Amino acid sequence: MRSTQQFSITLPNDMADIVKAKVAAGEYATESEVIRDGLRALIARDRAVESWLRNEVAPAYDALEANPGRGRSGKQVRARLAEAHRKTTEKP
């Protein structure tokens, strides 16, 4: 049984040019390697987002649900960000 499958894909010209350029530059041996590496990056990104949601977002949401007084209004958040920005951009 084969451990690979062959696909026929269609890419916009700009993406196809990038794939071809990667191979021409010697970064990859074949177009398939470029696509495989792109899919690996997509899988890694999806895993990172899932981990962030599970480990940071969900606990923060649960903490806010348990104690709504910890929340801040949009106005409060904008004011705090504006103050932080002001401090980083003001001249000494």
Protein backbone atom coordinates (compact mmCIF):
# COMPACT_ATOMS: atom_id res chain seq x y z
CA MET A 1 0.00 0.00 0.00
CA ARG A 2 1.31 3.46 -0.92
CA SER A 3 2.05 5.96 1.81
CA THR A 4 1.42 8.89 -0.50
CA GLN A 5 -1.41 10.17 -2.66
CA GLN A 6 -1.14 12.14 -5.84
CA PHE A 7 -3.18 15.32 -6.18
CA SER A 8 -3.73 17.75 -8.99
CA ILE A 9 -4.01 21.28 -7.63
CA THR A 10 -4.61 24.67 -9.16
CA LEU A 11 -2.84 27.73 -7.77
CA PRO A 12 -3.13 31.40 -8.63
CA ASN A 13 -0.22 32.51 -10.82
CA ASP A 14 1.47 34.44 -8.02
CA MET A 15 1.48 31.39 -5.74
CA ALA A 16 2.64 29.09 -8.53
CA ASP A 17 5.49 31.53 -9.23
CA ILE A 18 6.53 31.37 -5.57
CA VAL A 19 6.55 27.56 -5.62
CA LYS A 20 8.63 27.52 -8.80
CA ALA A 21 11.04 30.14 -7.43
CA LYS A 22 11.62 28.10 -4.25
CA VAL A 23 12.57 25.09 -6.36
CA ALA A 24 14.67 27.14 -8.79
CA ALA A 25 16.57 28.69 -5.87
CA GLY A 26 17.40 25.24 -4.54
CA GLU A 27 15.43 25.70 -1.33
CA TYR A 28 13.38 22.61 -2.23
CA ALA A 29 14.01 19.74 -4.63
CA THR A 30 10.44 19.58 -5.94
CA GLU A 31 7.19 21.49 -6.02
CA SER A 32 5.67 18.78 -3.84
CA GLU A 33 8.21 19.49 -1.11
CA VAL A 34 7.21 23.17 -1.12
CA ILE A 35 3.54 22.27 -0.72
CA ARG A 36 4.28 19.69 1.99
CA ASP A 37 6.30 22.24 3.96
CA GLY A 38 3.48 24.77 3.62
CA LEU A 39 1.00 22.22 4.95
CA ARG A 40 3.30 21.42 7.87
CA ALA A 41 3.39 25.15 8.71
CA LEU A 42 -0.41 25.31 8.50
CA ILE A 43 -0.75 22.31 10.82
CA ALA A 44 1.71 23.87 13.30
CA ARG A 45 -0.22 27.16 13.24
CA ASP A 46 -3.53 25.38 13.80
CA ARG A 47 -2.06 23.47 16.74
CA ALA A 48 -0.65 26.68 18.24
CA VAL A 49 -4.02 28.44 17.96
CA GLU A 50 -5.82 25.46 19.48
CA SER A 51 -3.32 25.37 22.36
CA TRP A 52 -3.70 29.13 22.94
CA LEU A 53 -7.47 28.84 22.98
CA ARG A 54 -7.39 25.88 25.37
CA ASN A 55 -4.64 27.10 27.70
CA GLU A 56 -5.14 30.87 27.77
CA VAL A 57 -8.43 32.02 26.31
CA ALA A 58 -10.74 29.45 27.91
CA PRO A 59 -9.27 29.88 31.43
CA ALA A 60 -9.48 33.69 31.09
CA TYR A 61 -13.10 33.41 30.01
CA ASP A 62 -13.88 31.06 32.90
CA ALA A 63 -12.20 33.43 35.37
CA LEU A 64 -14.23 36.35 34.03
CA GLU A 65 -17.44 34.34 34.26
CA ALA A 66 -16.60 33.45 37.87
CA ASN A 67 -15.79 37.05 38.77
CA PRO A 68 -17.32 39.56 36.31
CA GLY A 69 -15.88 42.46 38.33
CA ARG A 70 -12.46 41.63 36.87
CA GLY A 71 -13.66 42.73 33.44
CA ARG A 72 -12.85 46.08 31.84
CA SER A 73 -14.94 48.14 29.47
CA GLY A 74 -13.74 48.90 25.98
CA LYS A 75 -13.31 52.51 27.03
CA GLN A 76 -11.05 51.48 29.94
CA VAL A 77 -8.97 49.24 27.70
CA ARG A 78 -8.55 51.94 25.06
CA ALA A 79 -7.51 54.49 27.72
CA ARG A 80 -4.92 52.09 29.15
CA LEU A 81 -3.53 51.31 25.71
CA ALA A 82 -3.38 55.01 24.82
CA GLU A 83 -1.48 55.74 28.03
CA ALA A 84 0.97 52.90 27.39
CA HIS A 85 1.48 54.12 23.82
CA ARG A 86 2.03 57.67 25.01
CA LYS A 87 4.69 56.51 27.47
CA THR A 88 6.57 54.58 24.80
CA THR A 89 6.50 57.40 22.26
CA GLU A 90 7.21 60.43 24.44
CA LYS A 91 10.67 61.91 24.30
CA PRO A 92 12.83 61.82 27.44
